[in-house]
PDB file of N, CA and C in Angstrom:
ATOM      1  N   MET A   1       0.819  -1.191   0.000  1.00  0.00           N
ATOM      2  CA  MET A   1       0.000   0.000   0.000  1.00  0.00           C
ATOM      3  C   MET A   1       0.864   1.257   0.000  1.00  0.00           C
ATOM      4  N   VAL A   2       1.936   1.253   0.781  1.00  0.00           N
ATOM      5  CA  VAL A   2       2.831   2.400   0.843  1.00  0.00           C
ATOM      6  C   VAL A   2       3.545   2.577  -0.502  1.00  0.00           C
ATOM      7  N   ASP A   3       3.929   1.457  -1.136  1.00  0.00           N
ATOM      8  CA  ASP A   3       4.582   1.536  -2.442  1.00  0.00           C
ATOM      9  C   ASP A   3       3.635   2.117  -3.488  1.00  0.00           C
ATOM     10  N   TYR A   4       2.367   1.758  -3.418  1.00  0.00           N
ATOM     11  CA  TYR A   4       1.380   2.293  -4.354  1.00  0.00           C
ATOM     12  C   TYR A   4       1.264   3.811  -4.216  1.00  0.00           C
ATOM     13  N   ILE A   5       1.226   4.299  -2.992  1.00  0.00           N
ATOM     14  CA  ILE A   5       1.123   5.747  -2.753  1.00  0.00           C
ATOM     15  C   ILE A   5       2.386   6.453  -3.252  1.00  0.00           C
ATOM     16  N   LYS A   6       3.546   5.869  -2.995  1.00  0.00           N
ATOM     17  CA  LYS A   6       4.795   6.459  -3.480  1.00  0.00           C
ATOM     18  C   LYS A   6       4.808   6.531  -5.006  1.00  0.00           C
ATOM     19  N   ASN A   7       4.331   5.482  -5.655  1.00  0.00           N
ATOM     20  CA  ASN A   7       4.299   5.473  -7.114  1.00  0.00           C
ATOM     21  C   ASN A   7       3.303   6.485  -7.657  1.00  0.00           C
ATOM     22  N   GLN A   8       2.219   6.704  -6.961  1.00  0.00           N
ATOM     23  CA  GLN A   8       1.243   7.688  -7.411  1.00  0.00           C
ATOM     24  C   GLN A   8       1.818   9.095  -7.363  1.00  0.00           C
ATOM     25  N   PHE A   9       2.637   9.393  -6.388  1.00  0.00           N
ATOM     26  CA  PHE A   9       3.240  10.714  -6.288  1.00  0.00           C
ATOM     27  C   PHE A   9       4.335  10.938  -7.329  1.00  0.00           C
ATOM     28  N   LYS A  10       4.796   9.876  -7.963  1.00  0.00           N
ATOM     29  CA  LYS A  10       5.759  10.010  -9.042  1.00  0.00           C
ATOM     30  C   LYS A  10       5.079  10.301 -10.373  1.00  0.00           C
ATOM     31  N   ASP A  11       3.780  10.103 -10.451  1.00  0.00           N
ATOM     32  CA  ASP A  11       3.036  10.303 -11.692  1.00  0.00           C
ATOM     33  C   ASP A  11       2.684  11.775 -11.868  1.00  0.00           C
ATOM     34  N   ILE A  12       2.893  12.303 -13.060  1.00  0.00           N
ATOM     35  CA  ILE A  12       2.636  13.718 -13.328  1.00  0.00           C
ATOM     36  C   ILE A  12       1.146  14.039 -13.249  1.00  0.00           C
ATOM     37  N   ASN A  13       0.285  13.097 -13.582  1.00  0.00           N
ATOM     38  CA  ASN A  13      -1.151  13.347 -13.530  1.00  0.00           C
ATOM     39  C   ASN A  13      -1.647  13.544 -12.105  1.00  0.00           C
ATOM     40  N   THR A  14      -1.014  12.897 -11.150  1.00  0.00           N
ATOM     41  CA  THR A  14      -1.366  13.103  -9.747  1.00  0.00           C
ATOM     42  C   THR A  14      -1.063  14.540  -9.342  1.00  0.00           C
ATOM     43  N   TRP A  15       0.090  15.045  -9.749  1.00  0.00           N
ATOM     44  CA  TRP A  15       0.472  16.417  -9.412  1.00  0.00           C
ATOM     45  C   TRP A  15      -0.428  17.424 -10.109  1.00  0.00           C
ATOM     46  N   LYS A  16      -0.804  17.141 -11.355  1.00  0.00           N
ATOM     47  CA  LYS A  16      -1.718  18.045 -12.059  1.00  0.00           C
ATOM     48  C   LYS A  16      -3.073  18.091 -11.358  1.00  0.00           C
ATOM     49  N   GLY A  17      -3.543  16.958 -10.890  1.00  0.00           N
ATOM     50  CA  GLY A  17      -4.804  16.917 -10.159  1.00  0.00           C
ATOM     51  C   GLY A  17      -4.733  17.674  -8.850  1.00  0.00           C
ATOM     52  N   MET A  18      -3.616  17.556  -8.152  1.00  0.00           N
ATOM     53  CA  MET A  18      -3.459  18.275  -6.895  1.00  0.00           C
ATOM     54  C   MET A  18      -3.391  19.781  -7.134  1.00  0.00           C
ATOM     55  N   VAL A  19      -2.736  20.195  -8.218  1.00  0.00           N
ATOM     56  CA  VAL A  19      -2.674  21.620  -8.553  1.00  0.00           C
ATOM     57  C   VAL A  19      -4.071  22.130  -8.897  1.00  0.00           C
ATOM     58  N   ALA A  20      -4.828  21.355  -9.661  1.00  0.00           N
ATOM     59  CA  ALA A  20      -6.184  21.771 -10.033  1.00  0.00           C
ATOM     60  C   ALA A  20      -7.083  21.871  -8.802  1.00  0.00           C
ATOM     61  N   LEU A  21      -6.960  20.941  -7.892  1.00  0.00           N
ATOM     62  CA  LEU A  21      -7.757  20.987  -6.667  1.00  0.00           C
ATOM     63  C   LEU A  21      -7.368  22.196  -5.821  1.00  0.00           C
ATOM     64  N   GLY A  22      -6.089  22.449  -5.696  1.00  0.00           N
ATOM     65  CA  GLY A  22      -5.634  23.626  -4.955  1.00  0.00           C
ATOM     66  C   GLY A  22      -6.110  24.916  -5.607  1.00  0.00           C
ATOM     67  N   ALA A  23      -6.094  24.960  -6.936  1.00  0.00           N
ATOM     68  CA  ALA A  23      -6.554  26.152  -7.649  1.00  0.00           C
ATOM     69  C   ALA A  23      -8.048  26.370  -7.444  1.00  0.00           C
ATOM     70  N   ALA A  24      -8.811  25.295  -7.410  1.00  0.00           N
ATOM     71  CA  ALA A  24     -10.251  25.425  -7.183  1.00  0.00           C
ATOM     72  C   ALA A  24     -10.537  26.004  -5.800  1.00  0.00           C
ATOM     73  N   ILE A  25      -9.786  25.572  -4.816  1.00  0.00           N
ATOM     74  CA  ILE A  25      -9.974  26.100  -3.460  1.00  0.00           C
ATOM     75  C   ILE A  25      -9.574  27.565  -3.395  1.00  0.00           C
ATOM     76  N   ILE A  26      -8.451  27.908  -4.033  1.00  0.00           N
ATOM     77  CA  ILE A  26      -8.000  29.301  -4.047  1.00  0.00           C
ATOM     78  C   ILE A  26      -8.998  30.182  -4.787  1.00  0.00           C
ATOM     79  N   MET A  27      -9.548  29.689  -5.897  1.00  0.00           N
ATOM     80  CA  MET A  27     -10.493  30.477  -6.686  1.00  0.00           C
ATOM     81  C   MET A  27     -11.757  30.794  -5.893  1.00  0.00           C
ATOM     82  N   TYR A  28     -12.103  29.957  -4.966  1.00  0.00           N
ATOM     83  CA  TYR A  28     -13.297  30.202  -4.149  1.00  0.00           C
ATOM     84  C   TYR A  28     -13.122  31.457  -3.291  1.00  0.00           C
ATOM     85  N   PHE A  29     -11.904  31.729  -2.859  1.00  0.00           N
ATOM     86  CA  PHE A  29     -11.663  32.820  -1.927  1.00  0.00           C
ATOM     87  C   PHE A  29     -11.108  34.097  -2.572  1.00  0.00           C
ATOM     88  N   THR A  30     -10.797  34.061  -3.862  1.00  0.00           N
ATOM     89  CA  THR A  30     -10.185  35.225  -4.506  1.00  0.00           C
ATOM     90  C   THR A  30     -11.185  35.966  -5.388  1.00  0.00           C
ATOM     91  N   PRO A  31     -10.885  37.231  -5.716  1.00  0.00           N
ATOM     92  CA  PRO A  31     -11.771  37.992  -6.601  1.00  0.00           C
ATOM     93  C   PRO A  31     -11.682  37.493  -8.048  1.00  0.00           C
ATOM     94  N   ASP A  32     -12.600  37.960  -8.878  1.00  0.00           N
ATOM     95  CA  ASP A  32     -12.710  37.475 -10.250  1.00  0.00           C
ATOM     96  C   ASP A  32     -11.468  37.763 -11.089  1.00  0.00           C
ATOM     97  N   GLU A  33     -10.788  38.861 -10.844  1.00  0.00           N
ATOM     98  CA  GLU A  33      -9.602  39.181 -11.633  1.00  0.00           C
ATOM     99  C   GLU A  33      -8.515  38.123 -11.447  1.00  0.00           C
ATOM    100  N   ILE A  34      -8.354  37.672 -10.225  1.00  0.00           N
ATOM    101  CA  ILE A  34      -7.360  36.633  -9.936  1.00  0.00           C
ATOM    102  C   ILE A  34      -7.821  35.296 -10.514  1.00  0.00           C
ATOM    103  N   ASP A  35      -9.118  35.041 -10.513  1.00  0.00           N
ATOM    104  CA  ASP A  35      -9.655  33.800 -11.074  1.00  0.00           C
ATOM    105  C   ASP A  35      -9.292  33.656 -12.544  1.00  0.00           C
ATOM    106  N   ASN A  36      -9.327  34.760 -13.298  1.00  0.00           N
ATOM    107  CA  ASN A  36      -8.976  34.701 -14.714  1.00  0.00           C
ATOM    108  C   ASN A  36      -7.520  34.303 -14.913  1.00  0.00           C
ATOM    109  N   ILE A  37      -6.642  34.785 -14.070  1.00  0.00           N
ATOM    110  CA  ILE A  37      -5.223  34.421 -14.154  1.00  0.00           C
ATOM    111  C   ILE A  37      -5.046  32.939 -13.836  1.00  0.00           C
ATOM    112  N   ILE A  38      -5.746  32.470 -12.817  1.00  0.00           N
ATOM    113  CA  ILE A  38      -5.650  31.060 -12.439  1.00  0.00           C
ATOM    114  C   ILE A  38      -6.177  30.173 -13.564  1.00  0.00           C
ATOM    115  N   MET A  39      -7.269  30.561 -14.205  1.00  0.00           N
ATOM    116  CA  MET A  39      -7.819  29.767 -15.305  1.00  0.00           C
ATOM    117  C   MET A  39      -6.851  29.705 -16.485  1.00  0.00           C
ATOM    118  N   MET A  40      -6.179  30.790 -16.776  1.00  0.00           N
ATOM    119  CA  MET A  40      -5.191  30.774 -17.858  1.00  0.00           C
ATOM    120  C   MET A  40      -4.021  29.853 -17.508  1.00  0.00           C
ATOM    121  N   ALA A  41      -3.581  29.895 -16.267  1.00  0.00           N
ATOM    122  CA  ALA A  41      -2.473  29.032 -15.843  1.00  0.00           C
ATOM    123  C   ALA A  41      -2.874  27.560 -15.908  1.00  0.00           C
ATOM    124  N   LEU A  42      -4.081  27.239 -15.475  1.00  0.00           N
ATOM    125  CA  LEU A  42      -4.540  25.852 -15.538  1.00  0.00           C
ATOM    126  C   LEU A  42      -4.730  25.398 -16.980  1.00  0.00           C
ATOM    127  N   GLY A  43      -5.129  26.315 -17.837  1.00  0.00           N
ATOM    128  CA  GLY A  43      -5.275  25.978 -19.257  1.00  0.00           C
ATOM    129  C   GLY A  43      -3.945  25.619 -19.889  1.00  0.00           C
ATOM    130  N   THR A  44      -2.897  26.359 -19.551  1.00  0.00           N
ATOM    131  CA  THR A  44      -1.577  26.030 -20.091  1.00  0.00           C
ATOM    132  C   THR A  44      -1.049  24.733 -19.495  1.00  0.00           C
ATOM    133  N   LEU A  45      -1.411  24.450 -18.274  1.00  0.00           N
ATOM    134  CA  LEU A  45      -1.007  23.190 -17.659  1.00  0.00           C
ATOM    135  C   LEU A  45      -1.707  22.014 -18.338  1.00  0.00           C
ATOM    136  N   GLY A  46      -2.965  22.192 -18.678  1.00  0.00           N
ATOM    137  CA  GLY A  46      -3.731  21.127 -19.319  1.00  0.00           C
ATOM    138  C   GLY A  46      -3.391  20.926 -20.775  1.00  0.00           C
ATOM    139  N   ILE A  47      -2.967  21.969 -21.458  1.00  0.00           N
ATOM    140  CA  ILE A  47      -2.673  21.859 -22.886  1.00  0.00           C
ATOM    141  C   ILE A  47      -1.407  21.043 -23.136  1.00  0.00           C
ATOM    142  N   THR A  48      -0.585  20.881 -22.117  1.00  0.00           N
ATOM    143  CA  THR A  48       0.622  20.077 -22.301  1.00  0.00           C
ATOM    144  C   THR A  48       0.277  18.622 -22.585  1.00  0.00           C
ATOM    145  N   ASP A  49      -0.892  18.158 -22.172  1.00  0.00           N
ATOM    146  CA  ASP A  49      -1.302  16.785 -22.455  1.00  0.00           C
ATOM    147  C   ASP A  49      -1.493  16.556 -23.947  1.00  0.00           C
ATOM    148  N   ILE A  50      -1.810  17.592 -24.681  1.00  0.00           N
ATOM    149  CA  ILE A  50      -2.018  17.447 -26.122  1.00  0.00           C
ATOM    150  C   ILE A  50      -0.687  17.220 -26.836  1.00  0.00           C
ATOM    151  N   PHE A  51       0.344  17.900 -26.393  1.00  0.00           N
ATOM    152  CA  PHE A  51       1.612  17.879 -27.108  1.00  0.00           C
ATOM    153  C   PHE A  51       2.619  16.872 -26.578  1.00  0.00           C
ATOM    154  N   VAL A  52       2.396  16.311 -25.417  1.00  0.00           N
ATOM    155  CA  VAL A  52       3.347  15.381 -24.818  1.00  0.00           C
ATOM    156  C   VAL A  52       2.837  13.958 -24.999  1.00  0.00           C
ATOM    157  N   MET A  53       3.703  13.105 -25.509  1.00  0.00           N
ATOM    158  CA  MET A  53       3.346  11.700 -25.667  1.00  0.00           C
ATOM    159  C   MET A  53       4.024  10.897 -24.566  1.00  0.00           C
ATOM    160  N   ASN A  54       3.249  10.130 -23.827  1.00  0.00           N
ATOM    161  CA  ASN A  54       3.804   9.307 -22.748  1.00  0.00           C
ATOM    162  C   ASN A  54       4.461   8.068 -23.315  1.00  0.00           C
ATOM    163  N   LYS A  55       5.636   7.748 -22.804  1.00  0.00           N
ATOM    164  CA  LYS A  55       6.335   6.533 -23.209  1.00  0.00           C
ATOM    165  C   LYS A  55       5.849   5.386 -22.334  1.00  0.00           C
ATOM    166  N   LYS A  56       5.453   4.319 -22.965  1.00  0.00           N
ATOM    167  CA  LYS A  56       4.986   3.145 -22.214  1.00  0.00           C
ATOM    168  C   LYS A  56       5.704   1.914 -22.663  1.00  0.00           C
TER     169      LYS A  56
END
């Protein structure tokens, strides 16, 4: 079980999910101007999935 958790933290998708969750919480407490900046940052983070091919 501990090895599974360690392996999950090595995966980039886990980190992207944690960043998105953190951004959602921050967006709840910030004004709309800051929300637009956060949405642009998350969009650039998500667009990397289109251009990056995972090696398997």
